All heavy atoms as atom14 arrays in JSON, in Angstrom:
{
  "sequence": "EKEHQSLVASVAVGDSILTTSGFYGVVIDMTEDVVIVEFGSNKNCRIP",
  "atom14_mask": [
    [1, 1, 1, 1, 1, 1, 1, 1, 1, 0, 0, 0, 0, 0],
    [1, 1, 1, 1, 1, 1, 1, 1, 1, 0, 0, 0, 0, 0],
    [1, 1, 1, 1, 1, 1, 1, 1, 1, 0, 0, 0, 0, 0],
    [1, 1, 1, 1, 1, 1, 1, 1, 1, 1, 0, 0, 0, 0],
    [1, 1, 1, 1, 1, 1, 1, 1, 1, 0, 0, 0, 0, 0],
    [1, 1, 1, 1, 1, 1, 0, 0, 0, 0, 0, 0, 0, 0],
    [1, 1, 1, 1, 1, 1, 1, 1, 0, 0, 0, 0, 0, 0],
    [1, 1, 1, 1, 1, 1, 1, 0, 0, 0, 0, 0, 0, 0],
    [1, 1, 1, 1, 1, 0, 0, 0, 0, 0, 0, 0, 0, 0],
    [1, 1, 1, 1, 1, 1, 0, 0, 0, 0, 0, 0, 0, 0],
    [1, 1, 1, 1, 1, 1, 1, 0, 0, 0, 0, 0, 0, 0],
    [1, 1, 1, 1, 1, 0, 0, 0, 0, 0, 0, 0, 0, 0],
    [1, 1, 1, 1, 1, 1, 1, 0, 0, 0, 0, 0, 0, 0],
    [1, 1, 1, 1, 0, 0, 0, 0, 0, 0, 0, 0, 0, 0],
    [1, 1, 1, 1, 1, 1, 1, 1, 0, 0, 0, 0, 0, 0],
    [1, 1, 1, 1, 1, 1, 0, 0, 0, 0, 0, 0, 0, 0],
    [1, 1, 1, 1, 1, 1, 1, 1, 0, 0, 0, 0, 0, 0],
    [1, 1, 1, 1, 1, 1, 1, 1, 0, 0, 0, 0, 0, 0],
    [1, 1, 1, 1, 1, 1, 1, 0, 0, 0, 0, 0, 0, 0],
    [1, 1, 1, 1, 1, 1, 1, 0, 0, 0, 0, 0, 0, 0],
    [1, 1, 1, 1, 1, 1, 0, 0, 0, 0, 0, 0, 0, 0],
    [1, 1, 1, 1, 0, 0, 0, 0, 0, 0, 0, 0, 0, 0],
    [1, 1, 1, 1, 1, 1, 1, 1, 1, 1, 1, 0, 0, 0],
    [1, 1, 1, 1, 1, 1, 1, 1, 1, 1, 1, 1, 0, 0],
    [1, 1, 1, 1, 0, 0, 0, 0, 0, 0, 0, 0, 0, 0],
    [1, 1, 1, 1, 1, 1, 1, 0, 0, 0, 0, 0, 0, 0],
    [1, 1, 1, 1, 1, 1, 1, 0, 0, 0, 0, 0, 0, 0],
    [1, 1, 1, 1, 1, 1, 1, 1, 0, 0, 0, 0, 0, 0],
    [1, 1, 1, 1, 1, 1, 1, 1, 0, 0, 0, 0, 0, 0],
    [1, 1, 1, 1, 1, 1, 1, 1, 0, 0, 0, 0, 0, 0],
    [1, 1, 1, 1, 1, 1, 1, 0, 0, 0, 0, 0, 0, 0],
    [1, 1, 1, 1, 1, 1, 1, 1, 1, 0, 0, 0, 0, 0],
    [1, 1, 1, 1, 1, 1, 1, 1, 0, 0, 0, 0, 0, 0],
    [1, 1, 1, 1, 1, 1, 1, 0, 0, 0, 0, 0, 0, 0],
    [1, 1, 1, 1, 1, 1, 1, 0, 0, 0, 0, 0, 0, 0],
    [1, 1, 1, 1, 1, 1, 1, 1, 0, 0, 0, 0, 0, 0],
    [1, 1, 1, 1, 1, 1, 1, 0, 0, 0, 0, 0, 0, 0],
    [1, 1, 1, 1, 1, 1, 1, 1, 1, 0, 0, 0, 0, 0],
    [1, 1, 1, 1, 1, 1, 1, 1, 1, 1, 1, 0, 0, 0],
    [1, 1, 1, 1, 0, 0, 0, 0, 0, 0, 0, 0, 0, 0],
    [1, 1, 1, 1, 1, 1, 0, 0, 0, 0, 0, 0, 0, 0],
    [1, 1, 1, 1, 1, 1, 1, 1, 0, 0, 0, 0, 0, 0],
    [1, 1, 1, 1, 1, 1, 1, 1, 1, 0, 0, 0, 0, 0],
    [1, 1, 1, 1, 1, 1, 1, 1, 0, 0, 0, 0, 0, 0],
    [1, 1, 1, 1, 1, 1, 0, 0, 0, 0, 0, 0, 0, 0],
    [1, 1, 1, 1, 1, 1, 1, 1, 1, 1, 1, 0, 0, 0],
    [1, 1, 1, 1, 1, 1, 1, 1, 0, 0, 0, 0, 0, 0],
    [1, 1, 1, 1, 1, 1, 1, 0, 0, 0, 0, 0, 0, 0]
  ],
  "atom14_positions": [
    [[107.97, 230.01, 172.35], [109.19, 229.6, 173.03], [109.58, 228.18, 172.65], [110.76, 227.88, 172.43], [108.99, 229.71, 174.54], [110.22, 229.46, 175.35], [109.96, 229.65, 176.83], [109.41, 230.7, 177.2], [110.29, 228.73, 177.6], [0.0, 0.0, 0.0], [0.0, 0.0, 0.0], [0.0, 0.0, 0.0], [0.0, 0.0, 0.0], [0.0, 0.0, 0.0]],
    [[108.61, 227.3, 172.54], [108.86, 225.91, 172.16], [109.39, 225.83, 170.72], [110.31, 225.06, 170.43], [107.57, 225.1, 172.3], [107.76, 223.62, 172.18], [106.46, 222.9, 172.46], [106.64, 221.41, 172.38], [105.4, 220.69, 172.66], [0.0, 0.0, 0.0], [0.0, 0.0, 0.0], [0.0, 0.0, 0.0], [0.0, 0.0, 0.0], [0.0, 0.0, 0.0]],
    [[108.83, 226.64, 169.81], [109.31, 226.67, 168.43], [110.75, 227.17, 168.36], [111.56, 226.65, 167.6], [108.41, 227.56, 167.58], [107.05, 226.99, 167.31], [106.12, 227.97, 166.61], [106.52, 229.14, 166.4], [105.0, 227.57, 166.29], [0.0, 0.0, 0.0], [0.0, 0.0, 0.0], [0.0, 0.0, 0.0], [0.0, 0.0, 0.0], [0.0, 0.0, 0.0]],
    [[111.08, 228.18, 169.18], [112.45, 228.7, 169.19], [113.42, 227.65, 169.73], [114.53, 227.51, 169.21], [112.53, 229.98, 170.03], [113.88, 230.62, 169.99], [114.77, 230.48, 171.01], [114.49, 231.38, 169.05], [115.88, 231.13, 170.71], [115.73, 231.68, 169.52], [0.0, 0.0, 0.0], [0.0, 0.0, 0.0], [0.0, 0.0, 0.0], [0.0, 0.0, 0.0]],
    [[113.02, 226.92, 170.75], [113.88, 225.86, 171.3], [114.16, 224.78, 170.26], [115.28, 224.29, 170.16], [113.24, 225.25, 172.55], [113.23, 226.16, 173.74], [114.62, 226.52, 174.23], [115.54, 225.73, 174.13], [114.77, 227.73, 174.73], [0.0, 0.0, 0.0], [0.0, 0.0, 0.0], [0.0, 0.0, 0.0], [0.0, 0.0, 0.0], [0.0, 0.0, 0.0]],
    [[113.14, 224.41, 169.47], [113.37, 223.39, 168.44], [114.25, 223.94, 167.32], [115.06, 223.21, 166.75], [112.04, 222.89, 167.88], [111.36, 223.91, 167.18], [0.0, 0.0, 0.0], [0.0, 0.0, 0.0], [0.0, 0.0, 0.0], [0.0, 0.0, 0.0], [0.0, 0.0, 0.0], [0.0, 0.0, 0.0], [0.0, 0.0, 0.0], [0.0, 0.0, 0.0]],
    [[114.13, 225.24, 167.02], [114.99, 225.86, 166.01], [116.44, 225.84, 166.48], [117.34, 225.45, 165.72], [114.55, 227.31, 165.76], [115.45, 228.13, 164.85], [115.16, 227.79, 163.4], [115.27, 229.6, 165.12], [0.0, 0.0, 0.0], [0.0, 0.0, 0.0], [0.0, 0.0, 0.0], [0.0, 0.0, 0.0], [0.0, 0.0, 0.0], [0.0, 0.0, 0.0]],
    [[116.67, 226.22, 167.73], [118.03, 226.25, 168.28], [118.6, 224.83, 168.35], [119.78, 224.63, 168.09], [118.02, 226.93, 169.67], [119.34, 226.74, 170.39], [117.71, 228.41, 169.51], [0.0, 0.0, 0.0], [0.0, 0.0, 0.0], [0.0, 0.0, 0.0], [0.0, 0.0, 0.0], [0.0, 0.0, 0.0], [0.0, 0.0, 0.0], [0.0, 0.0, 0.0]],
    [[117.78, 223.87, 168.67], [118.26, 222.48, 168.77], [118.65, 221.91, 167.41], [119.45, 220.99, 167.33], [117.19, 221.61, 169.41], [0.0, 0.0, 0.0], [0.0, 0.0, 0.0], [0.0, 0.0, 0.0], [0.0, 0.0, 0.0], [0.0, 0.0, 0.0], [0.0, 0.0, 0.0], [0.0, 0.0, 0.0], [0.0, 0.0, 0.0], [0.0, 0.0, 0.0]],
    [[118.1, 222.47, 166.33], [118.38, 221.94, 165.0], [119.63, 222.54, 164.37], [120.03, 222.13, 163.28], [117.19, 222.2, 164.08], [117.08, 223.58, 163.77], [0.0, 0.0, 0.0], [0.0, 0.0, 0.0], [0.0, 0.0, 0.0], [0.0, 0.0, 0.0], [0.0, 0.0, 0.0], [0.0, 0.0, 0.0], [0.0, 0.0, 0.0], [0.0, 0.0, 0.0]],
    [[120.28, 223.5, 165.04], [121.47, 224.13, 164.48], [122.62, 223.13, 164.45], [122.86, 222.4, 165.39], [121.87, 225.37, 165.33], [123.19, 225.95, 164.85], [120.79, 226.41, 165.27], [0.0, 0.0, 0.0], [0.0, 0.0, 0.0], [0.0, 0.0, 0.0], [0.0, 0.0, 0.0], [0.0, 0.0, 0.0], [0.0, 0.0, 0.0], [0.0, 0.0, 0.0]],
    [[123.34, 223.13, 163.31], [124.49, 222.24, 163.15], [125.64, 223.05, 162.56], [125.45, 224.14, 162.03], [124.14, 221.07, 162.25], [0.0, 0.0, 0.0], [0.0, 0.0, 0.0], [0.0, 0.0, 0.0], [0.0, 0.0, 0.0], [0.0, 0.0, 0.0], [0.0, 0.0, 0.0], [0.0, 0.0, 0.0], [0.0, 0.0, 0.0], [0.0, 0.0, 0.0]],
    [[126.84, 222.5, 162.62], [128.01, 223.14, 162.06], [127.82, 223.28, 160.55], [127.39, 222.35, 159.88], [129.29, 222.33, 162.38], [130.5, 222.91, 161.67], [129.52, 222.31, 163.88], [0.0, 0.0, 0.0], [0.0, 0.0, 0.0], [0.0, 0.0, 0.0], [0.0, 0.0, 0.0], [0.0, 0.0, 0.0], [0.0, 0.0, 0.0], [0.0, 0.0, 0.0]],
    [[128.1, 224.46, 160.03], [127.97, 224.73, 158.6], [126.68, 225.45, 158.24], [126.53, 225.92, 157.12], [0.0, 0.0, 0.0], [0.0, 0.0, 0.0], [0.0, 0.0, 0.0], [0.0, 0.0, 0.0], [0.0, 0.0, 0.0], [0.0, 0.0, 0.0], [0.0, 0.0, 0.0], [0.0, 0.0, 0.0], [0.0, 0.0, 0.0], [0.0, 0.0, 0.0]],
    [[125.75, 225.56, 159.17], [124.48, 226.25, 158.9], [124.69, 227.75, 158.87], [125.49, 228.3, 159.64], [123.44, 225.92, 159.97], [122.95, 224.49, 159.91], [123.22, 223.81, 158.91], [122.29, 224.07, 160.88], [0.0, 0.0, 0.0], [0.0, 0.0, 0.0], [0.0, 0.0, 0.0], [0.0, 0.0, 0.0], [0.0, 0.0, 0.0], [0.0, 0.0, 0.0]],
    [[123.94, 228.43, 158.01], [123.93, 229.89, 158.0], [122.85, 230.34, 158.97], [121.75, 229.79, 158.98], [123.61, 230.41, 156.61], [124.62, 230.05, 155.71], [0.0, 0.0, 0.0], [0.0, 0.0, 0.0], [0.0, 0.0, 0.0], [0.0, 0.0, 0.0], [0.0, 0.0, 0.0], [0.0, 0.0, 0.0], [0.0, 0.0, 0.0], [0.0, 0.0, 0.0]],
    [[123.17, 231.35, 159.78], [122.22, 231.81, 160.79], [122.05, 233.32, 160.73], [122.89, 234.02, 160.18], [122.65, 231.4, 162.22], [123.98, 232.05, 162.59], [122.72, 229.89, 162.36], [124.29, 231.97, 164.07], [0.0, 0.0, 0.0], [0.0, 0.0, 0.0], [0.0, 0.0, 0.0], [0.0, 0.0, 0.0], [0.0, 0.0, 0.0], [0.0, 0.0, 0.0]],
    [[120.95, 233.78, 161.31], [120.7, 235.2, 161.53], [120.59, 235.38, 163.03], [119.88, 234.62, 163.71], [119.4, 235.63, 160.85], [118.9, 237.04, 161.13], [119.87, 238.08, 160.59], [117.52, 237.25, 160.54], [0.0, 0.0, 0.0], [0.0, 0.0, 0.0], [0.0, 0.0, 0.0], [0.0, 0.0, 0.0], [0.0, 0.0, 0.0], [0.0, 0.0, 0.0]],
    [[121.3, 236.37, 163.58], [121.28, 236.61, 165.02], [120.24, 237.65, 165.38], [119.71, 238.34, 164.5], [122.66, 237.09, 165.51], [122.93, 238.36, 164.95], [123.75, 236.11, 165.14], [0.0, 0.0, 0.0], [0.0, 0.0, 0.0], [0.0, 0.0, 0.0], [0.0, 0.0, 0.0], [0.0, 0.0, 0.0], [0.0, 0.0, 0.0], [0.0, 0.0, 0.0]],
    [[119.97, 237.79, 166.67], [119.0, 238.78, 167.13], [119.46, 240.2, 166.83], [118.64, 241.1, 166.72], [118.76, 238.65, 168.64], [120.01, 238.73, 169.31], [118.05, 237.37, 168.98], [0.0, 0.0, 0.0], [0.0, 0.0, 0.0], [0.0, 0.0, 0.0], [0.0, 0.0, 0.0], [0.0, 0.0, 0.0], [0.0, 0.0, 0.0], [0.0, 0.0, 0.0]],
    [[120.76, 240.41, 166.68], [121.27, 241.75, 166.38], [121.32, 242.02, 164.89], [121.73, 243.1, 164.47], [122.65, 241.94, 167.0], [123.51, 240.92, 166.57], [0.0, 0.0, 0.0], [0.0, 0.0, 0.0], [0.0, 0.0, 0.0], [0.0, 0.0, 0.0], [0.0, 0.0, 0.0], [0.0, 0.0, 0.0], [0.0, 0.0, 0.0], [0.0, 0.0, 0.0]],
    [[120.89, 241.06, 164.06], [120.79, 241.28, 162.62], [122.01, 240.86, 161.82], [122.1, 241.18, 160.64], [0.0, 0.0, 0.0], [0.0, 0.0, 0.0], [0.0, 0.0, 0.0], [0.0, 0.0, 0.0], [0.0, 0.0, 0.0], [0.0, 0.0, 0.0], [0.0, 0.0, 0.0], [0.0, 0.0, 0.0], [0.0, 0.0, 0.0], [0.0, 0.0, 0.0]],
    [[122.94, 240.16, 162.43], [124.14, 239.71, 161.71], [123.91, 238.33, 161.12], [123.34, 237.45, 161.76], [125.35, 239.66, 162.65], [125.81, 241.0, 163.12], [125.65, 241.37, 164.44], [126.38, 241.9, 162.25], [126.06, 242.61, 164.9], [126.8, 243.15, 162.68], [126.64, 243.5, 164.01], [0.0, 0.0, 0.0], [0.0, 0.0, 0.0], [0.0, 0.0, 0.0]],
    [[124.4, 238.15, 159.89], [124.38, 236.84, 159.24], [125.75, 236.21, 159.4], [126.77, 236.89, 159.3], [124.07, 236.97, 157.75], [122.65, 237.36, 157.46], [122.29, 238.68, 157.26], [121.66, 236.39, 157.38], [120.98, 239.04, 157.0], [120.35, 236.73, 157.11], [120.01, 238.06, 156.92], [118.71, 238.4, 156.66], [0.0, 0.0, 0.0], [0.0, 0.0, 0.0]],
    [[125.77, 234.91, 159.66], [127.05, 234.22, 159.83], [126.89, 232.74, 159.6], [125.8, 232.23, 159.34], [0.0, 0.0, 0.0], [0.0, 0.0, 0.0], [0.0, 0.0, 0.0], [0.0, 0.0, 0.0], [0.0, 0.0, 0.0], [0.0, 0.0, 0.0], [0.0, 0.0, 0.0], [0.0, 0.0, 0.0], [0.0, 0.0, 0.0], [0.0, 0.0, 0.0]],
    [[128.02, 232.03, 159.7], [128.05, 230.58, 159.5], [128.6, 229.96, 160.78], [129.63, 230.39, 161.31], [128.95, 230.21, 158.3], [129.05, 228.71, 158.14], [128.42, 230.85, 157.03], [0.0, 0.0, 0.0], [0.0, 0.0, 0.0], [0.0, 0.0, 0.0], [0.0, 0.0, 0.0], [0.0, 0.0, 0.0], [0.0, 0.0, 0.0], [0.0, 0.0, 0.0]],
    [[127.93, 228.93, 161.26], [128.36, 228.22, 162.48], [129.57, 227.37, 162.12], [129.52, 226.56, 161.2], [127.23, 227.34, 163.04], [127.7, 226.55, 164.24], [126.01, 228.18, 163.38], [0.0, 0.0, 0.0], [0.0, 0.0, 0.0], [0.0, 0.0, 0.0], [0.0, 0.0, 0.0], [0.0, 0.0, 0.0], [0.0, 0.0, 0.0], [0.0, 0.0, 0.0]],
    [[130.68, 227.56, 162.86], [131.88, 226.77, 162.58], [132.22, 225.81, 163.72], [132.97, 224.86, 163.51], [133.09, 227.66, 162.27], [133.38, 228.61, 163.41], [132.88, 228.42, 160.98], [134.69, 229.35, 163.28], [0.0, 0.0, 0.0], [0.0, 0.0, 0.0], [0.0, 0.0, 0.0], [0.0, 0.0, 0.0], [0.0, 0.0, 0.0], [0.0, 0.0, 0.0]],
    [[131.65, 226.04, 164.9], [131.87, 225.14, 166.02], [130.77, 225.38, 167.04], [130.19, 226.46, 167.08], [133.24, 225.4, 166.66], [133.65, 224.3, 167.63], [133.07, 223.19, 167.56], [134.54, 224.55, 168.47], [0.0, 0.0, 0.0], [0.0, 0.0, 0.0], [0.0, 0.0, 0.0], [0.0, 0.0, 0.0], [0.0, 0.0, 0.0], [0.0, 0.0, 0.0]],
    [[130.46, 224.38, 167.84], [129.41, 224.55, 168.84], [129.64, 223.65, 170.04], [130.24, 222.6, 169.95], [128.02, 224.32, 168.26], [127.83, 223.17, 167.35], [126.26, 223.14, 166.48], [125.08, 223.26, 167.74], [0.0, 0.0, 0.0], [0.0, 0.0, 0.0], [0.0, 0.0, 0.0], [0.0, 0.0, 0.0], [0.0, 0.0, 0.0], [0.0, 0.0, 0.0]],
    [[129.15, 224.14, 171.19], [129.1, 223.35, 172.41], [127.64, 223.32, 172.83], [126.76, 223.67, 172.04], [129.98, 223.98, 173.52], [129.47, 225.27, 173.83], [131.43, 224.07, 173.09], [0.0, 0.0, 0.0], [0.0, 0.0, 0.0], [0.0, 0.0, 0.0], [0.0, 0.0, 0.0], [0.0, 0.0, 0.0], [0.0, 0.0, 0.0], [0.0, 0.0, 0.0]],
    [[127.38, 222.96, 174.07], [126.0, 222.84, 174.52], [125.24, 224.16, 174.51], [124.1, 224.24, 174.07], [125.97, 222.26, 175.94], [124.59, 221.9, 176.4], [124.63, 221.18, 177.74], [125.56, 220.39, 177.96], [123.71, 221.41, 178.53], [0.0, 0.0, 0.0], [0.0, 0.0, 0.0], [0.0, 0.0, 0.0], [0.0, 0.0, 0.0], [0.0, 0.0, 0.0]],
    [[125.87, 225.25, 174.98], [125.2, 226.54, 175.07], [125.75, 227.6, 174.13], [125.11, 228.63, 173.93], [125.32, 227.11, 176.49], [124.61, 226.25, 177.52], [123.72, 225.48, 177.11], [124.94, 226.34, 178.7], [0.0, 0.0, 0.0], [0.0, 0.0, 0.0], [0.0, 0.0, 0.0], [0.0, 0.0, 0.0], [0.0, 0.0, 0.0], [0.0, 0.0, 0.0]],
    [[126.92, 227.37, 173.57], [127.62, 228.4, 172.8], [127.9, 227.91, 171.39], [128.24, 226.75, 171.17], [128.96, 228.77, 173.5], [129.75, 229.76, 172.69], [128.69, 229.29, 174.88], [0.0, 0.0, 0.0], [0.0, 0.0, 0.0], [0.0, 0.0, 0.0], [0.0, 0.0, 0.0], [0.0, 0.0, 0.0], [0.0, 0.0, 0.0], [0.0, 0.0, 0.0]],
    [[127.74, 228.81, 170.42], [128.14, 228.54, 169.05], [129.22, 229.54, 168.67], [129.19, 230.69, 169.13], [126.97, 228.62, 168.04], [126.0, 227.51, 168.25], [126.28, 229.96, 168.09], [0.0, 0.0, 0.0], [0.0, 0.0, 0.0], [0.0, 0.0, 0.0], [0.0, 0.0, 0.0], [0.0, 0.0, 0.0], [0.0, 0.0, 0.0], [0.0, 0.0, 0.0]],
    [[130.17, 229.13, 167.86], [131.17, 230.06, 167.34], [130.77, 230.33, 165.9], [130.65, 229.41, 165.09], [132.59, 229.48, 167.44], [132.92, 229.26, 168.92], [133.59, 230.41, 166.78], [134.26, 228.62, 169.17], [0.0, 0.0, 0.0], [0.0, 0.0, 0.0], [0.0, 0.0, 0.0], [0.0, 0.0, 0.0], [0.0, 0.0, 0.0], [0.0, 0.0, 0.0]],
    [[130.56, 231.6, 165.62], [130.02, 232.01, 164.32], [131.07, 232.83, 163.59], [131.73, 233.69, 164.16], [128.74, 232.84, 164.51], [128.14, 233.22, 163.18], [127.73, 232.08, 165.34], [0.0, 0.0, 0.0], [0.0, 0.0, 0.0], [0.0, 0.0, 0.0], [0.0, 0.0, 0.0], [0.0, 0.0, 0.0], [0.0, 0.0, 0.0], [0.0, 0.0, 0.0]],
    [[131.2, 232.55, 162.29], [132.11, 233.29, 161.42], [131.28, 234.3, 160.64], [130.33, 233.92, 159.95], [132.8, 232.29, 160.49], [133.9, 232.87, 159.65], [134.6, 231.75, 158.91], [134.04, 231.28, 157.91], [135.68, 231.35, 159.35], [0.0, 0.0, 0.0], [0.0, 0.0, 0.0], [0.0, 0.0, 0.0], [0.0, 0.0, 0.0], [0.0, 0.0, 0.0]],
    [[131.61, 235.58, 160.77], [130.86, 236.64, 160.14], [131.62, 237.21, 158.96], [132.82, 237.41, 159.03], [130.56, 237.76, 161.14], [129.66, 237.35, 162.25], [130.16, 237.03, 163.49], [128.3, 237.26, 162.05], [129.32, 236.66, 164.52], [127.44, 236.87, 163.07], [127.96, 236.57, 164.31], [0.0, 0.0, 0.0], [0.0, 0.0, 0.0], [0.0, 0.0, 0.0]],
    [[130.9, 237.53, 157.89], [131.47, 238.22, 156.74], [132.44, 237.38, 155.94], [132.6, 236.18, 156.15], [0.0, 0.0, 0.0], [0.0, 0.0, 0.0], [0.0, 0.0, 0.0], [0.0, 0.0, 0.0], [0.0, 0.0, 0.0], [0.0, 0.0, 0.0], [0.0, 0.0, 0.0], [0.0, 0.0, 0.0], [0.0, 0.0, 0.0], [0.0, 0.0, 0.0]],
    [[133.1, 238.02, 154.99], [134.04, 237.31, 154.12], [135.41, 237.18, 154.75], [136.25, 236.43, 154.29], [134.14, 238.03, 152.77], [134.58, 239.36, 152.98], [0.0, 0.0, 0.0], [0.0, 0.0, 0.0], [0.0, 0.0, 0.0], [0.0, 0.0, 0.0], [0.0, 0.0, 0.0], [0.0, 0.0, 0.0], [0.0, 0.0, 0.0], [0.0, 0.0, 0.0]],
    [[135.65, 237.94, 155.83], [136.92, 237.86, 156.55], [136.9, 236.6, 157.42], [136.16, 236.51, 158.37], [137.1, 239.11, 157.41], [138.43, 239.13, 158.12], [139.22, 238.2, 158.02], [138.68, 240.18, 158.86], [0.0, 0.0, 0.0], [0.0, 0.0, 0.0], [0.0, 0.0, 0.0], [0.0, 0.0, 0.0], [0.0, 0.0, 0.0], [0.0, 0.0, 0.0]],
    [[137.72, 235.64, 157.11], [137.71, 234.37, 157.83], [138.28, 234.46, 159.24], [138.27, 233.51, 159.98], [138.49, 233.31, 157.03], [137.94, 233.06, 155.64], [136.52, 232.54, 155.71], [135.98, 232.27, 154.32], [134.59, 231.98, 154.28], [0.0, 0.0, 0.0], [0.0, 0.0, 0.0], [0.0, 0.0, 0.0], [0.0, 0.0, 0.0], [0.0, 0.0, 0.0]],
    [[138.8, 235.64, 159.62], [139.34, 235.81, 160.97], [138.33, 236.38, 161.94], [138.64, 236.59, 163.1], [140.57, 236.72, 160.93], [141.72, 236.07, 160.19], [141.87, 234.86, 160.23], [142.51, 236.87, 159.49], [0.0, 0.0, 0.0], [0.0, 0.0, 0.0], [0.0, 0.0, 0.0], [0.0, 0.0, 0.0], [0.0, 0.0, 0.0], [0.0, 0.0, 0.0]],
    [[137.13, 236.67, 161.49], [136.11, 237.25, 162.36], [135.22, 236.13, 162.91], [134.17, 235.81, 162.35], [135.28, 238.27, 161.59], [134.09, 239.13, 162.61], [0.0, 0.0, 0.0], [0.0, 0.0, 0.0], [0.0, 0.0, 0.0], [0.0, 0.0, 0.0], [0.0, 0.0, 0.0], [0.0, 0.0, 0.0], [0.0, 0.0, 0.0], [0.0, 0.0, 0.0]],
    [[135.65, 235.54, 164.0], [134.91, 234.44, 164.63], [134.52, 234.87, 166.03], [135.37, 235.26, 166.84], [135.77, 233.19, 164.68], [136.12, 232.7, 163.29], [137.02, 231.53, 163.33], [137.25, 231.06, 161.97], [137.98, 230.03, 161.66], [138.58, 229.34, 162.61], [138.12, 229.67, 160.41], [0.0, 0.0, 0.0], [0.0, 0.0, 0.0], [0.0, 0.0, 0.0]],
    [[133.23, 234.8, 166.31], [132.72, 235.3, 167.58], [131.89, 234.22, 168.28], [130.98, 233.67, 167.67], [131.85, 236.56, 167.36], [132.69, 237.65, 166.71], [131.24, 237.03, 168.67], [131.91, 238.85, 166.29], [0.0, 0.0, 0.0], [0.0, 0.0, 0.0], [0.0, 0.0, 0.0], [0.0, 0.0, 0.0], [0.0, 0.0, 0.0], [0.0, 0.0, 0.0]],
    [[132.19, 233.91, 169.56], [131.33, 233.0, 170.31], [130.06, 233.73, 170.76], [130.11, 234.9, 171.13], [132.19, 232.58, 171.49], [133.19, 233.65, 171.64], [133.38, 234.29, 170.3], [0.0, 0.0, 0.0], [0.0, 0.0, 0.0], [0.0, 0.0, 0.0], [0.0, 0.0, 0.0], [0.0, 0.0, 0.0], [0.0, 0.0, 0.0], [0.0, 0.0, 0.0]]
  ]
}
């Protein structure tokens, strides 16, 4: 749990991530608890 918390704390805008559901995406914006991730080559697919 501590390792996961440090991983989540290190996320920054522009990083590529893998989600628990298996989707790859790029972080385009973030707040304290929420990140907005852009999935796929379609630039309109942005999901908080």
